[in-house]
C-alpha atoms as a PDB file:
ATOM      1  CA  UNK A   1       0.367   0.211  -0.104  1.00  0.00           C
ATOM      2  CA  UNK A   2       1.085   3.257  -0.415  1.00  0.00           C
ATOM      3  CA  UNK A   3       0.255   6.762   0.586  1.00  0.00           C
ATOM      4  CA  UNK A   4       1.552  10.523  -0.671  1.00  0.00           C
ATOM      5  CA  UNK A   5       0.961  13.212   1.470  1.00  0.00           C
ATOM      6  CA  UNK A   6      -1.464  15.760  -0.515  1.00  0.00           C
ATOM      7  CA  UNK A   7       0.488  18.549   0.016  1.00  0.00           C
ATOM      8  CA  UNK A   8       3.681  20.017  -0.653  1.00  0.00           C
ATOM      9  CA  UNK A   9       5.512  20.291   2.352  1.00  0.00           C
ATOM     10  CA  UNK A  10       8.164  22.895   3.393  1.00  0.00           C
ATOM     11  CA  UNK A  11      11.971  22.047   4.153  1.00  0.00           C
ATOM     12  CA  UNK A  12      11.783  20.608   6.855  1.00  0.00           C
ATOM     13  CA  UNK A  13      12.730  17.032   9.333  1.00  0.00           C
ATOM     14  CA  UNK A  14       8.800  15.517   9.505  1.00  0.00           C
ATOM     15  CA  UNK A  15       7.853  11.666  11.586  1.00  0.00           C
ATOM     16  CA  UNK A  16       5.092   9.702  10.964  1.00  0.00           C
ATOM     17  CA  UNK A  17       3.783   5.927  11.709  1.00  0.00           C
ATOM     18  CA  UNK A  18       0.862   3.896  10.636  1.00  0.00           C
ATOM     19  CA  UNK A  19      -1.726   1.842  12.765  1.00  0.00           C
ATOM     20  CA  UNK A  20      -4.752  -0.222  10.900  1.00  0.00           C
ATOM     21  CA  UNK A  21      -8.090  -0.768  11.041  1.00  0.00           C
ATOM     22  CA  UNK A  22     -11.128  -2.622  11.186  1.00  0.00           C
ATOM     23  CA  UNK A  23     -15.207  -2.812  11.433  1.00  0.00           C
ATOM     24  CA  UNK A  24     -13.487  -3.994  15.140  1.00  0.00           C
ATOM     25  CA  UNK A  25     -10.754  -3.182  16.184  1.00  0.00           C
ATOM     26  CA  UNK A  26      -7.895  -1.050  15.946  1.00  0.00           C
ATOM     27  CA  UNK A  27      -3.840  -2.530  15.724  1.00  0.00           C
ATOM     28  CA  UNK A  28      -1.043  -0.804  18.110  1.00  0.00           C
ATOM     29  CA  UNK A  29       0.591   2.491  16.133  1.00  0.00           C
ATOM     30  CA  UNK A  30       3.818   1.367  14.363  1.00  0.00           C
ATOM     31  CA  UNK A  31       7.552   2.315  15.335  1.00  0.00           C
ATOM     32  CA  UNK A  32       8.144   6.422  14.661  1.00  0.00           C
ATOM     33  CA  UNK A  33       9.455   6.989  11.104  1.00  0.00           C
ATOM     34  CA  UNK A  34      11.684   9.734  10.536  1.00  0.00           C
ATOM     35  CA  UNK A  35      12.175  11.876   6.937  1.00  0.00           C
ATOM     36  CA  UNK A  36      13.694  14.927   6.248  1.00  0.00           C
ATOM     37  CA  UNK A  37      12.054  17.264   2.970  1.00  0.00           C
ATOM     38  CA  UNK A  38      15.541  18.500   2.156  1.00  0.00           C
ATOM     39  CA  UNK A  39      16.839  22.043   1.126  1.00  0.00           C
ATOM     40  CA  UNK A  40      16.327  23.127  -2.500  1.00  0.00           C
ATOM     41  CA  UNK A  41      20.529  24.258  -3.814  1.00  0.00           C
ATOM     42  CA  UNK A  42      20.622  28.477  -5.016  1.00  0.00           C
ATOM     43  CA  UNK A  43      20.408  29.190  -8.159  1.00  0.00           C
ATOM     44  CA  UNK A  44      24.420  28.609  -9.906  1.00  0.00           C
ATOM     45  CA  UNK A  45      25.887  32.164 -11.039  1.00  0.00           C
ATOM     46  CA  UNK A  46      25.790  34.254 -14.295  1.00  0.00           C
ATOM     47  CA  UNK A  47      29.249  35.043 -15.141  1.00  0.00           C
ATOM     48  CA  UNK A  48      28.821  35.541 -18.204  1.00  0.00           C
ATOM     49  CA  UNK A  49      27.069  35.240 -21.687  1.00  0.00           C
ATOM     50  CA  UNK A  50      27.478  35.882 -25.526  1.00  0.00           C
ATOM     51  CA  UNK A  51      25.803  36.400 -28.491  1.00  0.00           C
ATOM     52  CA  UNK A  52      26.920  34.071 -31.595  1.00  0.00           C
ATOM     53  CA  UNK A  53      25.297  33.895 -35.259  1.00  0.00           C
ATOM     54  CA  UNK A  54      23.767  30.705 -34.439  1.00  0.00           C
ATOM     55  CA  UNK A  55      23.817  30.738 -30.946  1.00  0.00           C
ATOM     56  CA  UNK A  56      24.571  31.466 -27.766  1.00  0.00           C
ATOM     57  CA  UNK A  57      27.195  30.789 -25.326  1.00  0.00           C
ATOM     58  CA  UNK A  58      26.832  30.787 -21.047  1.00  0.00           C
ATOM     59  CA  UNK A  59      29.074  30.559 -18.706  1.00  0.00           C
ATOM     60  CA  UNK A  60      28.183  30.072 -14.664  1.00  0.00           C
ATOM     61  CA  UNK A  61      29.617  29.458 -11.484  1.00  0.00           C
ATOM     62  CA  UNK A  62      28.391  25.718 -10.688  1.00  0.00           C
ATOM     63  CA  UNK A  63      26.675  25.618  -6.834  1.00  0.00           C
ATOM     64  CA  UNK A  64      28.918  24.032  -3.998  1.00  0.00           C
ATOM     65  CA  UNK A  65      28.260  20.657  -3.192  1.00  0.00           C
ATOM     66  CA  UNK A  66      27.537  20.836   0.721  1.00  0.00           C
ATOM     67  CA  UNK A  67      23.851  19.885   0.545  1.00  0.00           C
ATOM     68  CA  UNK A  68      23.019  15.903   1.514  1.00  0.00           C
ATOM     69  CA  UNK A  69      22.512  14.968  -1.832  1.00  0.00           C
ATOM     70  CA  UNK A  70      24.784  16.174  -4.432  1.00  0.00           C
ATOM     71  CA  UNK A  71      23.851  18.355  -6.984  1.00  0.00           C
ATOM     72  CA  UNK A  72      23.638  16.290 -10.412  1.00  0.00           C
ATOM     73  CA  UNK A  73      22.497  17.933 -12.701  1.00  0.00           C
ATOM     74  CA  UNK A  74      21.881  21.504 -14.376  1.00  0.00           C
ATOM     75  CA  UNK A  75      19.370  22.892 -16.386  1.00  0.00           C
ATOM     76  CA  UNK A  76      19.626  25.851 -18.951  1.00  0.00           C
ATOM     77  CA  UNK A  77      16.345  27.132 -20.862  1.00  0.00           C
ATOM     78  CA  UNK A  78      16.490  29.260 -23.903  1.00  0.00           C
ATOM     79  CA  UNK A  79      13.551  31.882 -24.939  1.00  0.00           C
ATOM     80  CA  UNK A  80      14.424  33.286 -27.832  1.00  0.00           C
ATOM     81  CA  UNK A  81      13.126  37.348 -28.371  1.00  0.00           C
ATOM     82  CA  UNK A  82      13.153  38.095 -24.426  1.00  0.00           C
END
């Protein structure tokens, strides 16, 4: 069985436990389990941009990798005309 929290959680530490019920009774509660909603890494700093005839160049500084989980990917989105 699976259950998803119906709202977005802010960064922080949380706990959960579960019990089962039927028409006649309820079980004991499970052990308390903890989980953490991690922090979003900061935005990379743009160092320079250059326009070319058929494209553009972008240099940015990597964010420090001192979070619980390492930064695995960066995404750049281009919006022509803006």
